[in-house]
């Protein structure tokens, strides 16, 4: 099938740019295209302006009010409009129109998909079967501000809560619920917390921090299903417990499913665009239709899905330059080296951690550790052929900026630098 040619209209002609997705990346791109003179329409399912989803756990913990994490909305201008609470349901690529669930059709010269990712709901017994596929009362995902506010309302002091999943999101949710006074159990199927990012020593420090807050942590623990109460007439089922694979049942009036996310690529797939796990894009963040781009959690570049805020924002900035820059000087996206960072403030003993790159060494790599159990500090770097390829820091993150720059740059480390200096506050002692 022939593909529509890329839009030739430039900002001076008022190019019609439609962005599907009103989150951090979509809103950031919309603001830049509007500043360049494009006629911008942003279609977003959530009814409110974008917010910093990195801080959702702090809202759940009560550290921030919801308004604190909201991002500035689009500028008020005749050529800019935001359709909030509107869902895009189809793309007519031949006519270059986006169909919405409110019946309107929005024309475009360039279309950007920033549809994000959806939480993975595991195939647990008792999880489905409600009216319209609804989850039992008390069972929540933790992805959006609406999820966060619903959890905050339900997590009263003493509430029995179970968090399923011990990755970054599950750890953040468990800690936040504990700070609200809930009785929290964290069930992680893997052998350690945040196993994609942390080694056993670092995961052990994280586990100790959560247990000091009152979180009961179970690793190597597989959840089989949820127990629910028989619903009264006209009501939905309510969760009463979580059943483990060994048959043991955890008391639960609140369950948080933190089992990862999946790119929201259905709109692209239905439109006939190339989709692997996410929407496939090239080095100009174009899909298989040159008039359609994709950024953020829904986009898959060179086989990589990032699922983090920093790469999504970098892609938004780069695409803005691609779409508004001079012809013949098109920048290229080569991927993002994303550092995972988690701040766990507490009244007496806060804990910060960061991880980047390859934290498990390959044969022949040099590995340097620094550990101070009293101060709860742990640092580890992996060096390969005089280049820093990964690291973990828990506790004092003094060196993280210098280490991240050395890793992102990929240049050889200064000759003669003792490797233990990598773990001091100034890279190479400078």
Protein backbone atom coordinates (compact mmCIF):
# COMPACT_ATOMS: atom_id res chain seq x y z
CA UNK A 1 0.00 0.00 0.00
CA UNK A 2 1.35 3.42 -0.90
CA UNK A 3 2.07 5.75 1.95
CA UNK A 4 0.98 9.40 2.24
CA UNK A 5 3.83 11.81 1.65
CA UNK A 6 5.14 13.77 4.58
CA UNK A 7 3.46 17.12 5.12
CA UNK A 8 5.18 19.94 3.28
CA UNK A 9 3.49 22.79 5.11
CA UNK A 10 5.83 24.61 7.49
CA UNK A 11 5.18 26.77 10.52
CA UNK A 12 4.77 29.90 8.39
CA UNK A 13 1.78 28.28 6.67
CA UNK A 14 0.21 27.25 9.93
CA UNK A 15 0.88 23.53 9.70
CA UNK A 16 -1.77 21.50 11.50
CA UNK A 17 -0.06 19.38 14.15
CA UNK A 18 -2.15 16.89 16.11
CA UNK A 19 -0.69 15.21 19.20
CA UNK A 20 -2.53 12.23 20.65
CA UNK A 21 -1.61 11.98 24.32
CA UNK A 22 -1.80 14.74 26.91
CA UNK A 23 0.94 13.57 29.24
CA UNK A 24 4.39 14.97 29.95
CA UNK A 25 5.91 14.27 26.51
CA UNK A 26 2.88 15.25 24.46
CA UNK A 27 2.36 18.51 26.33
CA UNK A 28 6.05 19.42 26.13
CA UNK A 29 6.07 18.89 22.37
CA UNK A 30 2.80 20.81 21.93
CA UNK A 31 4.19 23.87 23.68
CA UNK A 32 7.27 23.91 21.44
CA UNK A 33 5.33 23.45 18.21
CA UNK A 34 2.90 26.20 19.25
CA UNK A 35 5.82 28.54 19.95
CA UNK A 36 7.10 27.82 16.42
CA UNK A 37 3.80 28.87 14.86
CA UNK A 38 2.08 25.54 14.24
CA UNK A 39 -1.66 25.12 14.68
CA UNK A 40 -1.63 22.56 17.49
CA UNK A 41 -4.39 20.27 18.71
CA UNK A 42 -3.64 18.04 21.68
CA UNK A 43 -6.02 15.13 22.33
CA UNK A 44 -5.78 13.78 25.87
CA UNK A 45 -7.90 11.18 27.65
CA UNK A 46 -7.35 12.58 31.13
CA UNK A 47 -9.64 15.52 31.93
CA UNK A 48 -6.92 17.75 33.38
CA UNK A 49 -3.61 19.25 32.39
CA UNK A 50 -0.43 17.16 32.39
CA UNK A 51 1.41 16.39 35.62
CA UNK A 52 4.79 15.07 36.65
CA UNK A 53 4.07 11.36 37.01
CA UNK A 54 7.51 10.82 38.56
CA UNK A 55 6.09 12.45 41.70
CA UNK A 56 2.87 10.44 41.97
CA UNK A 57 4.25 8.36 44.84
CA UNK A 58 4.97 11.57 46.76
CA UNK A 59 1.34 12.62 46.30
CA UNK A 60 0.21 9.21 47.55
CA UNK A 61 2.52 9.54 50.55
CA UNK A 62 0.98 12.92 51.37
CA UNK A 63 4.22 14.80 50.74
CA UNK A 64 2.74 16.89 47.91
CA UNK A 65 -0.75 18.07 47.06
CA UNK A 66 -1.93 17.11 43.55
CA UNK A 67 -1.71 20.70 42.32
CA UNK A 68 2.01 20.81 43.13
CA UNK A 69 2.86 18.22 40.47
CA UNK A 70 0.69 19.67 37.71
CA UNK A 71 2.60 21.07 34.73
CA UNK A 72 1.78 24.36 32.98
CA UNK A 73 -1.03 23.95 30.48
CA UNK A 74 -0.82 24.95 26.83
CA UNK A 75 -0.75 28.67 26.06
CA UNK A 76 -4.10 30.33 25.47
CA UNK A 77 -3.99 31.15 21.76
CA UNK A 78 -6.41 30.82 18.84
CA UNK A 79 -4.09 28.37 17.08
CA UNK A 80 -3.74 26.09 20.13
CA UNK A 81 -6.41 23.88 21.60
CA UNK A 82 -6.41 21.04 24.09
CA UNK A 83 -9.19 18.45 23.93
CA UNK A 84 -9.18 17.12 27.49
CA UNK A 85 -11.18 14.06 28.44
CA UNK A 86 -11.33 13.04 24.78
CA UNK A 87 -10.06 9.71 23.46
CA UNK A 88 -8.72 9.17 19.96
CA UNK A 89 -10.37 6.03 18.54
CA UNK A 90 -9.02 5.88 15.01
CA UNK A 91 -6.67 7.38 12.44
CA UNK A 92 -7.68 7.81 8.79
CA UNK A 93 -4.25 8.10 7.21
CA UNK A 94 -5.58 8.61 3.69
CA UNK A 95 -7.71 11.60 4.73
CA UNK A 96 -5.28 12.59 7.51
CA UNK A 97 -7.87 12.77 10.23
CA UNK A 98 -7.99 11.56 13.81
CA UNK A 99 -11.40 10.27 14.90
CA UNK A 100 -12.36 10.93 18.53
CA UNK A 101 -14.86 9.30 20.84
CA UNK A 102 -16.94 12.50 20.99
CA UNK A 103 -17.65 12.25 17.26
CA UNK A 104 -15.29 14.90 15.99
CA UNK A 105 -12.64 14.34 13.32
CA UNK A 106 -9.45 16.37 13.69
CA UNK A 107 -7.44 16.99 10.49
CA UNK A 108 -3.65 16.96 10.56
CA UNK A 109 -0.62 17.64 8.42
CA UNK A 110 1.63 15.93 10.95
CA UNK A 111 0.45 13.51 13.62
CA UNK A 112 2.37 12.57 16.75
CA UNK A 113 1.40 9.58 18.87
CA UNK A 114 2.30 10.08 22.52
CA UNK A 115 -0.18 7.56 23.86
CA UNK A 116 2.05 6.31 26.68
CA UNK A 117 1.74 2.92 28.33
CA UNK A 118 -0.91 1.05 30.27
CA UNK A 119 -0.41 -0.95 33.46
CA UNK A 120 -0.07 -4.69 33.06
CA UNK A 121 -2.85 -6.54 34.86
CA UNK A 122 -1.61 -10.04 35.72
CA UNK A 123 -3.81 -13.08 35.04
CA UNK A 124 -4.80 -13.65 38.65
CA UNK A 125 -7.78 -15.66 39.76
CA UNK A 126 -10.68 -13.47 40.80
CA UNK A 127 -9.29 -10.35 39.16
CA UNK A 128 -11.67 -10.21 36.20
CA UNK A 129 -15.31 -10.98 35.73
CA UNK A 130 -16.81 -7.77 37.06
CA UNK A 131 -19.35 -5.72 35.14
CA UNK A 132 -17.66 -4.27 32.08
CA UNK A 133 -14.41 -5.97 33.07
CA UNK A 134 -14.10 -3.78 36.16
CA UNK A 135 -11.59 -4.73 38.86
CA UNK A 136 -12.97 -5.69 42.27
CA UNK A 137 -13.42 -2.80 44.66
CA UNK A 138 -10.16 -2.14 46.48
CA UNK A 139 -7.94 -3.35 43.61
CA UNK A 140 -6.02 -0.58 41.84
CA UNK A 141 -3.34 -0.01 39.27
CA UNK A 142 -0.87 2.80 39.99
CA UNK A 143 -0.23 4.73 36.81
CA UNK A 144 -2.32 7.90 36.68
CA UNK A 145 -3.24 10.76 38.98
CA UNK A 146 -6.74 9.28 39.24
CA UNK A 147 -5.21 5.99 40.43
CA UNK A 148 -3.14 7.91 42.96
CA UNK A 149 -6.08 9.86 44.37
CA UNK A 150 -8.25 6.73 44.63
CA UNK A 151 -5.49 4.96 46.56
CA UNK A 152 -4.98 7.94 48.84
CA UNK A 153 -8.67 7.96 49.70
CA UNK A 154 -8.73 4.23 50.40
CA UNK A 155 -5.48 3.99 52.38
CA UNK A 156 -6.67 4.97 55.83
CA UNK A 157 -4.62 4.21 58.92
CA UNK A 158 -4.53 0.48 59.63
CA UNK A 159 -5.83 -0.58 56.22
CA UNK A 160 -4.49 -3.99 55.20
CA UNK A 161 -2.76 -3.39 51.85
CA UNK A 162 -0.88 -5.74 49.52
CA UNK A 163 1.38 -4.45 46.75
CA UNK A 164 1.98 -6.99 43.98
CA UNK A 165 5.32 -6.31 42.30
CA UNK A 166 8.66 -5.22 43.76
CA UNK A 167 10.02 -3.09 40.95
CA UNK A 168 10.46 0.68 41.02
CA UNK A 169 6.72 1.36 41.01
CA UNK A 170 5.86 -1.28 43.58
CA UNK A 171 8.57 -0.12 45.98
CA UNK A 172 7.37 3.49 45.63
CA UNK A 173 3.75 2.51 46.23
CA UNK A 174 4.54 0.32 49.25
CA UNK A 175 6.56 3.03 50.91
CA UNK A 176 3.89 5.67 50.24
CA UNK A 177 1.10 3.51 51.67
CA UNK A 178 3.18 2.75 54.76
CA UNK A 179 3.70 6.46 55.34
CA UNK A 180 -0.08 6.89 55.21
CA UNK A 181 -0.39 4.38 58.06
CA UNK A 182 -1.52 1.34 56.10
CA UNK A 183 -0.36 -2.16 57.06
CA UNK A 184 1.57 -3.06 53.92
CA UNK A 185 2.78 -6.37 52.51
CA UNK A 186 4.95 -6.25 49.40
CA UNK A 187 4.90 -9.45 47.33
CA UNK A 188 7.72 -9.75 44.80
CA UNK A 189 7.97 -12.79 42.54
CA UNK A 190 11.69 -12.25 41.91
CA UNK A 191 14.45 -13.02 44.36
CA UNK A 192 15.12 -9.38 45.25
CA UNK A 193 13.56 -5.93 45.02
CA UNK A 194 14.13 -3.91 41.86
CA UNK A 195 16.02 -6.82 40.35
CA UNK A 196 16.31 -5.07 36.96
CA UNK A 197 18.36 -2.30 38.56
CA UNK A 198 19.94 -3.46 41.83
CA UNK A 199 22.34 -6.21 42.82
CA UNK A 200 21.71 -8.29 45.97
CA UNK A 201 23.64 -5.95 48.30
CA UNK A 202 21.81 -2.82 47.16
CA UNK A 203 18.45 -4.61 47.16
CA UNK A 204 19.13 -5.72 50.72
CA UNK A 205 19.60 -2.13 51.86
CA UNK A 206 16.37 -1.15 50.13
CA UNK A 207 14.53 -4.00 51.78
CA UNK A 208 15.83 -2.95 55.18
CA UNK A 209 14.61 0.59 54.60
CA UNK A 210 11.09 -0.61 53.75
CA UNK A 211 10.98 -2.96 56.73
CA UNK A 212 11.96 -0.10 59.04
CA UNK A 213 8.86 1.70 57.76
CA UNK A 214 6.75 -1.32 58.67
CA UNK A 215 6.47 -2.91 55.23
CA UNK A 216 6.43 -6.71 55.30
CA UNK A 217 8.52 -7.79 52.31
CA UNK A 218 8.21 -11.21 50.68
CA UNK A 219 10.54 -12.06 47.79
CA UNK A 220 10.38 -15.25 45.72
CA UNK A 221 6.66 -14.97 46.33
CA UNK A 222 4.17 -15.72 43.56
CA UNK A 223 0.62 -14.42 43.80
CA UNK A 224 -2.05 -16.77 42.47
CA UNK A 225 -5.26 -14.80 42.90
CA UNK A 226 -7.41 -12.40 44.84
CA UNK A 227 -10.25 -13.30 47.18
CA UNK A 228 -13.41 -11.23 47.10
CA UNK A 229 -16.58 -10.99 49.12
CA UNK A 230 -19.97 -11.83 47.58
CA UNK A 231 -21.34 -8.52 46.32
CA UNK A 232 -24.57 -7.16 47.72
CA UNK A 233 -27.29 -6.43 45.15
CA UNK A 234 -26.23 -3.65 42.80
CA UNK A 235 -22.68 -3.47 44.18
CA UNK A 236 -19.31 -4.67 42.93
CA UNK A 237 -17.20 -7.36 44.54
CA UNK A 238 -14.73 -6.13 47.15
CA UNK A 239 -11.28 -7.61 47.73
CA UNK A 240 -10.73 -9.43 51.02
CA UNK A 241 -7.42 -11.18 50.49
CA UNK A 242 -4.55 -12.14 48.22
CA UNK A 243 -3.87 -15.85 47.67
CA UNK A 244 -0.26 -16.96 47.25
CA UNK A 245 0.93 -19.92 45.19
CA UNK A 246 1.47 -22.02 48.33
CA UNK A 247 -2.15 -21.47 49.34
CA UNK A 248 -1.50 -18.93 52.07
CA UNK A 249 -3.93 -16.00 52.02
CA UNK A 250 -2.86 -12.48 52.94
CA UNK A 251 -5.51 -10.25 54.47
CA UNK A 252 -6.15 -7.32 52.12
CA UNK A 253 -8.70 -4.56 51.80
CA UNK A 254 -6.49 -2.72 49.34
CA UNK A 255 -4.41 -4.26 46.53
CA UNK A 256 -2.00 -2.37 44.29
CA UNK A 257 -0.98 -4.02 41.02
CA UNK A 258 2.53 -2.81 40.13
CA UNK A 259 3.43 -5.45 37.56
CA UNK A 260 4.92 -3.28 34.84
CA UNK A 261 3.50 -1.42 31.88
CA UNK A 262 2.76 -2.17 28.23
CA UNK A 263 2.99 0.37 25.38
CA UNK A 264 -0.38 1.65 24.21
CA UNK A 265 0.05 0.82 20.54
CA UNK A 266 -3.50 -0.19 19.60
CA UNK A 267 -4.29 3.06 17.79
CA UNK A 268 -1.16 2.71 15.67
CA UNK A 269 -1.78 -0.97 15.00
CA UNK A 270 -5.36 -0.35 13.89
CA UNK A 271 -4.10 2.38 11.56
CA UNK A 272 -1.75 -0.09 9.84
CA UNK A 273 1.46 1.39 11.22
CA UNK A 274 4.46 -0.76 12.09
CA UNK A 275 4.17 -2.13 15.61
CA UNK A 276 6.46 -4.61 17.36
CA UNK A 277 5.93 -4.36 21.11
CA UNK A 278 5.66 -0.58 20.77
CA UNK A 279 5.15 1.74 17.81
CA UNK A 280 8.27 1.33 15.69
CA UNK A 281 10.12 4.58 14.93
CA UNK A 282 13.31 5.44 13.08
CA UNK A 283 16.08 7.90 13.97
CA UNK A 284 13.75 10.81 13.12
CA UNK A 285 11.07 9.32 15.38
CA UNK A 286 8.94 8.60 12.31
CA UNK A 287 6.65 5.61 12.07
CA UNK A 288 6.21 3.64 8.85
CA UNK A 289 4.06 6.57 7.67
CA UNK A 290 6.32 9.64 7.27
CA UNK A 291 3.46 11.94 8.31
CA UNK A 292 3.13 10.16 11.66
CA UNK A 293 5.66 10.22 14.50
CA UNK A 294 5.68 8.57 17.93
CA UNK A 295 7.40 9.54 21.18
CA UNK A 296 7.47 8.48 24.81
CA UNK A 297 6.38 5.23 26.38
CA UNK A 298 4.50 4.01 23.30
CA UNK A 299 7.52 4.37 20.97
CA UNK A 300 10.03 1.61 20.22
CA UNK A 301 13.37 2.75 18.79
CA UNK A 302 16.02 0.26 17.67
CA UNK A 303 14.19 -2.45 19.58
CA UNK A 304 14.24 -0.50 22.85
CA UNK A 305 11.27 0.56 24.98
CA UNK A 306 12.26 2.98 27.72
CA UNK A 307 9.16 3.48 29.87
CA UNK A 308 10.81 6.36 31.75
CA UNK A 309 10.13 10.07 31.86
CA UNK A 310 13.62 11.28 30.88
CA UNK A 311 13.76 9.51 27.48
CA UNK A 312 10.20 10.61 26.70
CA UNK A 313 11.08 14.26 27.31
CA UNK A 314 14.31 13.96 25.32
CA UNK A 315 12.34 12.52 22.41
CA UNK A 316 9.81 15.37 22.63
CA UNK A 317 12.58 17.97 22.49
CA UNK A 318 14.32 16.25 19.58
CA UNK A 319 11.11 15.87 17.58
CA UNK A 320 10.36 19.56 18.10
CA UNK A 321 13.74 20.37 16.55
CA UNK A 322 13.11 17.94 13.69
CA UNK A 323 9.70 19.41 12.87
CA UNK A 324 10.60 23.07 13.24
CA UNK A 325 14.26 23.17 12.22
CA UNK A 326 15.71 24.16 8.86
CA UNK A 327 15.63 21.66 6.00
CA UNK A 328 18.79 19.67 5.53
CA UNK A 329 19.82 19.85 9.19
CA UNK A 330 17.72 17.08 10.68
CA UNK A 331 18.97 15.83 14.06
CA UNK A 332 18.92 12.11 14.75
CA UNK A 333 17.77 10.17 17.77
CA UNK A 334 20.42 7.68 18.83
CA UNK A 335 18.79 6.48 22.03
CA UNK A 336 18.81 7.67 25.63
CA UNK A 337 21.08 6.56 28.41
CA UNK A 338 18.59 6.72 31.23
CA UNK A 339 19.62 6.80 34.87
CA UNK A 340 17.08 5.33 37.29
CA UNK A 341 16.83 7.34 40.47
CA UNK A 342 14.58 6.90 43.48
CA UNK A 343 14.36 9.20 46.47
CA UNK A 344 12.76 7.74 49.57
CA UNK A 345 12.46 10.54 52.12
CA UNK A 346 11.59 9.64 55.70
CA UNK A 347 11.49 11.60 58.92
CA UNK A 348 14.54 9.92 60.45
CA UNK A 349 16.41 7.78 57.90
CA UNK A 350 15.83 8.71 54.25
CA UNK A 351 17.24 6.59 51.47
CA UNK A 352 18.31 7.61 47.97
CA UNK A 353 19.39 5.25 45.24
CA UNK A 354 20.50 5.47 41.63
CA UNK A 355 21.37 2.84 39.02
CA UNK A 356 22.57 3.12 35.44
CA UNK A 357 23.90 1.00 32.62
CA UNK A 358 25.12 -2.57 33.09
CA UNK A 359 25.19 -3.25 36.81
CA UNK A 360 26.18 -6.92 36.45
CA UNK A 361 29.77 -7.40 35.21
CA UNK A 362 30.74 -9.50 32.23
CA UNK A 363 33.88 -11.70 32.28
CA UNK A 364 36.96 -9.48 32.25
CA UNK A 365 35.21 -6.39 33.66
CA UNK A 366 36.64 -4.53 36.61
CA UNK A 367 34.28 -4.03 39.55
CA UNK A 368 34.80 -1.68 42.47
CA UNK A 369 32.64 -1.71 45.61
CA UNK A 370 32.39 0.64 48.55
CA UNK A 371 30.14 -0.23 51.48
CA UNK A 372 29.51 1.39 54.84
CA UNK A 373 26.85 -0.51 56.76
CA UNK A 374 26.73 2.05 59.57
CA UNK A 375 25.91 4.95 57.25
CA UNK A 376 23.90 2.67 54.94
CA UNK A 377 26.02 3.63 51.94
CA UNK A 378 26.73 1.27 49.05
CA UNK A 379 28.47 2.10 45.78
CA UNK A 380 29.46 -0.09 42.87
CA UNK A 381 30.84 0.65 39.43
CA UNK A 382 31.55 -1.63 36.48
CA UNK A 383 34.45 -0.71 34.16
CA UNK A 384 35.08 -2.35 30.79
CA UNK A 385 38.15 -1.53 28.70
CA UNK A 386 38.73 1.74 30.58
CA UNK A 387 35.12 2.84 30.13
CA UNK A 388 32.44 3.12 32.78
CA UNK A 389 29.54 0.87 31.73
CA UNK A 390 27.32 0.87 34.81
CA UNK A 391 26.91 1.53 38.48
CA UNK A 392 24.72 1.47 41.59
CA UNK A 393 24.66 4.00 44.42
CA UNK A 394 22.61 3.70 47.59
CA UNK A 395 22.60 6.26 50.39
CA UNK A 396 24.96 9.16 49.72
CA UNK A 397 24.68 10.00 46.01
CA UNK A 398 27.50 12.54 45.98
CA UNK A 399 29.34 11.04 42.97
CA UNK A 400 26.23 10.38 40.87
CA UNK A 401 26.55 13.46 38.66
CA UNK A 402 30.17 12.82 37.72
CA UNK A 403 29.55 9.11 37.22
CA UNK A 404 26.51 9.73 35.03
CA UNK A 405 28.46 12.15 32.84
CA UNK A 406 31.31 9.68 32.41
CA UNK A 407 28.88 6.91 31.54
CA UNK A 408 26.78 8.99 29.15
CA UNK A 409 29.85 10.33 27.37
CA UNK A 410 31.33 6.87 26.83
CA UNK A 411 34.88 8.26 26.68
CA UNK A 412 37.85 6.41 28.18
CA UNK A 413 38.51 7.21 31.81
CA UNK A 414 41.54 9.42 32.49
CA UNK A 415 44.72 7.36 32.24
CA UNK A 416 46.19 6.38 35.57
CA UNK A 417 43.01 7.10 37.54
CA UNK A 418 42.74 4.64 40.46
CA UNK A 419 39.38 2.92 40.05
CA UNK A 420 38.41 3.52 43.67
CA UNK A 421 38.43 7.25 42.92
CA UNK A 422 35.31 6.67 40.83
CA UNK A 423 33.44 6.19 44.07
CA UNK A 424 34.48 9.50 45.61
CA UNK A 425 32.49 12.69 45.24
CA UNK A 426 34.61 13.96 42.36
CA UNK A 427 35.40 11.75 39.42
CA UNK A 428 39.11 11.02 39.22
CA UNK A 429 39.71 13.15 42.31
CA UNK A 430 39.40 16.36 40.28
